[in-house]
């Protein structure tokens, strides 16, 4: 059986639009989820949206 590579979840800073790879958070049983950074390293904002929601994000 072949392995299907996992896609890293991305997040867009709502203020300056920098894109970040989500941080993997490992859970019991071997599963994991991704979380956005706590703050943008460019503008220090703490608000992030997923790329699929970014086009619809309104301030």
N, C-alpha and C. Protein backbone atom coordinates (compact mmCIF):
# COMPACT_ATOMS: atom_id res chain seq x y z
N UNK A 1 0.85 -1.17 0.00
CA UNK A 1 0.00 0.00 0.00
C UNK A 1 0.90 1.24 0.00
N UNK A 2 0.58 2.20 -0.82
CA UNK A 2 1.40 3.41 -0.89
C UNK A 2 0.95 4.43 0.15
N UNK A 3 1.88 5.25 0.55
CA UNK A 3 1.62 6.29 1.54
C UNK A 3 1.21 7.57 0.81
N UNK A 4 0.15 8.18 1.29
CA UNK A 4 -0.29 9.46 0.73
C UNK A 4 0.24 10.57 1.63
N UNK A 5 1.08 11.46 1.12
CA UNK A 5 1.63 12.51 1.97
C UNK A 5 0.53 13.45 2.45
N UNK A 6 0.68 13.87 3.68
CA UNK A 6 -0.30 14.78 4.27
C UNK A 6 0.02 16.22 3.89
N UNK A 7 -1.00 17.01 3.67
CA UNK A 7 -0.84 18.42 3.38
C UNK A 7 -0.85 19.21 4.68
N UNK A 8 0.12 20.07 4.84
CA UNK A 8 0.20 20.91 6.03
C UNK A 8 -0.88 22.00 5.93
N UNK A 9 -1.58 22.21 7.02
CA UNK A 9 -2.60 23.26 7.05
C UNK A 9 -1.90 24.61 7.09
N UNK A 10 -2.40 25.56 6.32
CA UNK A 10 -1.80 26.89 6.26
C UNK A 10 -2.75 27.92 6.86
N UNK A 11 -2.16 29.03 7.30
CA UNK A 11 -2.91 30.13 7.88
C UNK A 11 -2.39 31.44 7.30
N UNK A 12 -3.31 32.40 7.08
CA UNK A 12 -2.96 33.71 6.54
C UNK A 12 -3.18 34.75 7.64
N UNK A 13 -2.20 35.63 7.84
CA UNK A 13 -2.34 36.71 8.80
C UNK A 13 -3.43 37.64 8.28
N UNK A 14 -4.40 37.95 9.12
CA UNK A 14 -5.52 38.79 8.71
C UNK A 14 -5.10 40.24 8.46
N UNK A 15 -3.96 40.66 9.00
CA UNK A 15 -3.53 42.05 8.86
C UNK A 15 -2.55 42.27 7.72
N UNK A 16 -1.47 41.47 7.66
CA UNK A 16 -0.44 41.73 6.63
C UNK A 16 -0.41 40.68 5.53
N UNK A 17 -1.21 39.62 5.66
CA UNK A 17 -1.38 38.58 4.65
C UNK A 17 -0.19 37.64 4.50
N UNK A 18 0.72 37.62 5.48
CA UNK A 18 1.81 36.63 5.47
C UNK A 18 1.19 35.24 5.66
N UNK A 19 1.77 34.25 5.01
CA UNK A 19 1.25 32.88 5.08
C UNK A 19 2.18 32.03 5.94
N UNK A 20 1.57 31.23 6.82
CA UNK A 20 2.32 30.38 7.75
C UNK A 20 1.87 28.94 7.63
N UNK A 21 2.82 28.02 7.85
CA UNK A 21 2.48 26.61 7.99
C UNK A 21 2.01 26.41 9.42
N UNK A 22 0.94 25.65 9.59
CA UNK A 22 0.43 25.38 10.93
C UNK A 22 1.39 24.54 11.74
N UNK A 23 1.35 24.73 13.04
CA UNK A 23 2.18 23.94 13.96
C UNK A 23 1.46 22.64 14.27
N UNK A 24 2.10 21.49 14.03
CA UNK A 24 1.43 20.22 14.33
C UNK A 24 1.34 20.00 15.84
N UNK A 25 0.15 19.67 16.31
CA UNK A 25 -0.10 19.35 17.71
C UNK A 25 -0.43 17.86 17.76
N UNK A 26 0.42 17.08 18.42
CA UNK A 26 0.28 15.63 18.46
C UNK A 26 -0.65 15.22 19.60
N UNK A 27 -1.53 14.26 19.32
CA UNK A 27 -2.51 13.76 20.28
C UNK A 27 -2.24 12.29 20.56
N UNK A 28 -2.80 11.80 21.66
CA UNK A 28 -2.68 10.38 21.98
C UNK A 28 -3.27 9.55 20.84
N UNK A 29 -2.68 8.43 20.58
CA UNK A 29 -3.17 7.56 19.51
C UNK A 29 -2.50 7.84 18.17
N UNK A 30 -1.58 8.81 18.12
CA UNK A 30 -0.85 9.07 16.89
C UNK A 30 -1.46 10.10 15.97
N UNK A 31 -2.63 10.62 16.29
CA UNK A 31 -3.23 11.64 15.41
C UNK A 31 -2.66 13.02 15.74
N UNK A 32 -2.92 13.96 14.89
CA UNK A 32 -2.49 15.33 15.15
C UNK A 32 -3.39 16.32 14.42
N UNK A 33 -3.34 17.54 14.89
CA UNK A 33 -4.05 18.65 14.26
C UNK A 33 -3.03 19.77 14.06
N UNK A 34 -3.43 20.82 13.36
CA UNK A 34 -2.54 21.95 13.14
C UNK A 34 -3.16 23.19 13.78
N UNK A 35 -2.31 24.06 14.32
CA UNK A 35 -2.75 25.31 14.92
C UNK A 35 -1.98 26.46 14.31
N UNK A 36 -2.60 27.64 14.21
CA UNK A 36 -1.87 28.80 13.70
C UNK A 36 -0.86 29.27 14.74
N UNK A 37 0.08 30.11 14.32
CA UNK A 37 1.02 30.67 15.30
C UNK A 37 0.28 31.58 16.28
N UNK A 38 0.90 31.87 17.40
CA UNK A 38 0.26 32.76 18.37
C UNK A 38 0.31 34.21 17.93
N UNK A 39 1.35 34.58 17.17
CA UNK A 39 1.48 35.95 16.68
C UNK A 39 2.25 35.94 15.36
N UNK A 40 1.91 36.88 14.51
CA UNK A 40 2.59 37.04 13.23
C UNK A 40 3.99 37.61 13.48
N UNK A 41 5.01 37.01 12.88
CA UNK A 41 6.37 37.51 13.07
C UNK A 41 6.64 38.77 12.24
N UNK A 42 5.74 39.12 11.32
CA UNK A 42 5.91 40.31 10.51
C UNK A 42 5.27 41.53 11.18
N UNK A 43 3.99 41.40 11.58
CA UNK A 43 3.27 42.57 12.11
C UNK A 43 2.77 42.38 13.54
N UNK A 44 3.03 41.21 14.13
CA UNK A 44 2.67 40.89 15.51
C UNK A 44 1.16 40.74 15.75
N UNK A 45 0.37 40.64 14.69
CA UNK A 45 -1.07 40.40 14.83
C UNK A 45 -1.29 38.98 15.35
N UNK A 46 -2.39 38.76 16.01
CA UNK A 46 -2.73 37.43 16.50
C UNK A 46 -3.93 36.83 15.80
N UNK A 47 -4.37 37.46 14.70
CA UNK A 47 -5.55 36.97 14.00
C UNK A 47 -5.15 36.31 12.68
N UNK A 48 -5.54 35.03 12.55
CA UNK A 48 -5.21 34.25 11.35
C UNK A 48 -6.47 33.60 10.81
N UNK A 49 -6.53 33.42 9.50
CA UNK A 49 -7.63 32.72 8.85
C UNK A 49 -7.04 31.67 7.91
N UNK A 50 -7.81 30.64 7.64
CA UNK A 50 -7.37 29.63 6.68
C UNK A 50 -7.47 30.21 5.27
N UNK A 51 -6.60 29.78 4.35
CA UNK A 51 -6.63 30.33 2.99
C UNK A 51 -8.00 30.23 2.32
N UNK A 52 -8.75 29.16 2.59
CA UNK A 52 -10.07 29.02 1.96
C UNK A 52 -11.05 30.07 2.47
N UNK A 53 -10.82 30.61 3.66
CA UNK A 53 -11.71 31.63 4.23
C UNK A 53 -11.16 33.03 4.04
N UNK A 54 -9.91 33.15 3.63
CA UNK A 54 -9.27 34.47 3.54
C UNK A 54 -9.98 35.38 2.54
N UNK A 55 -10.38 34.86 1.40
CA UNK A 55 -11.04 35.68 0.38
C UNK A 55 -12.36 36.26 0.89
N UNK A 56 -12.98 35.59 1.85
CA UNK A 56 -14.26 36.04 2.41
C UNK A 56 -14.10 36.80 3.72
N UNK A 57 -12.86 36.92 4.20
CA UNK A 57 -12.61 37.58 5.48
C UNK A 57 -12.75 39.08 5.32
N UNK A 58 -13.57 39.66 6.17
CA UNK A 58 -13.76 41.12 6.15
C UNK A 58 -13.39 41.68 7.51
N UNK A 59 -12.69 42.76 7.52
CA UNK A 59 -12.31 43.39 8.79
C UNK A 59 -13.37 44.34 9.25
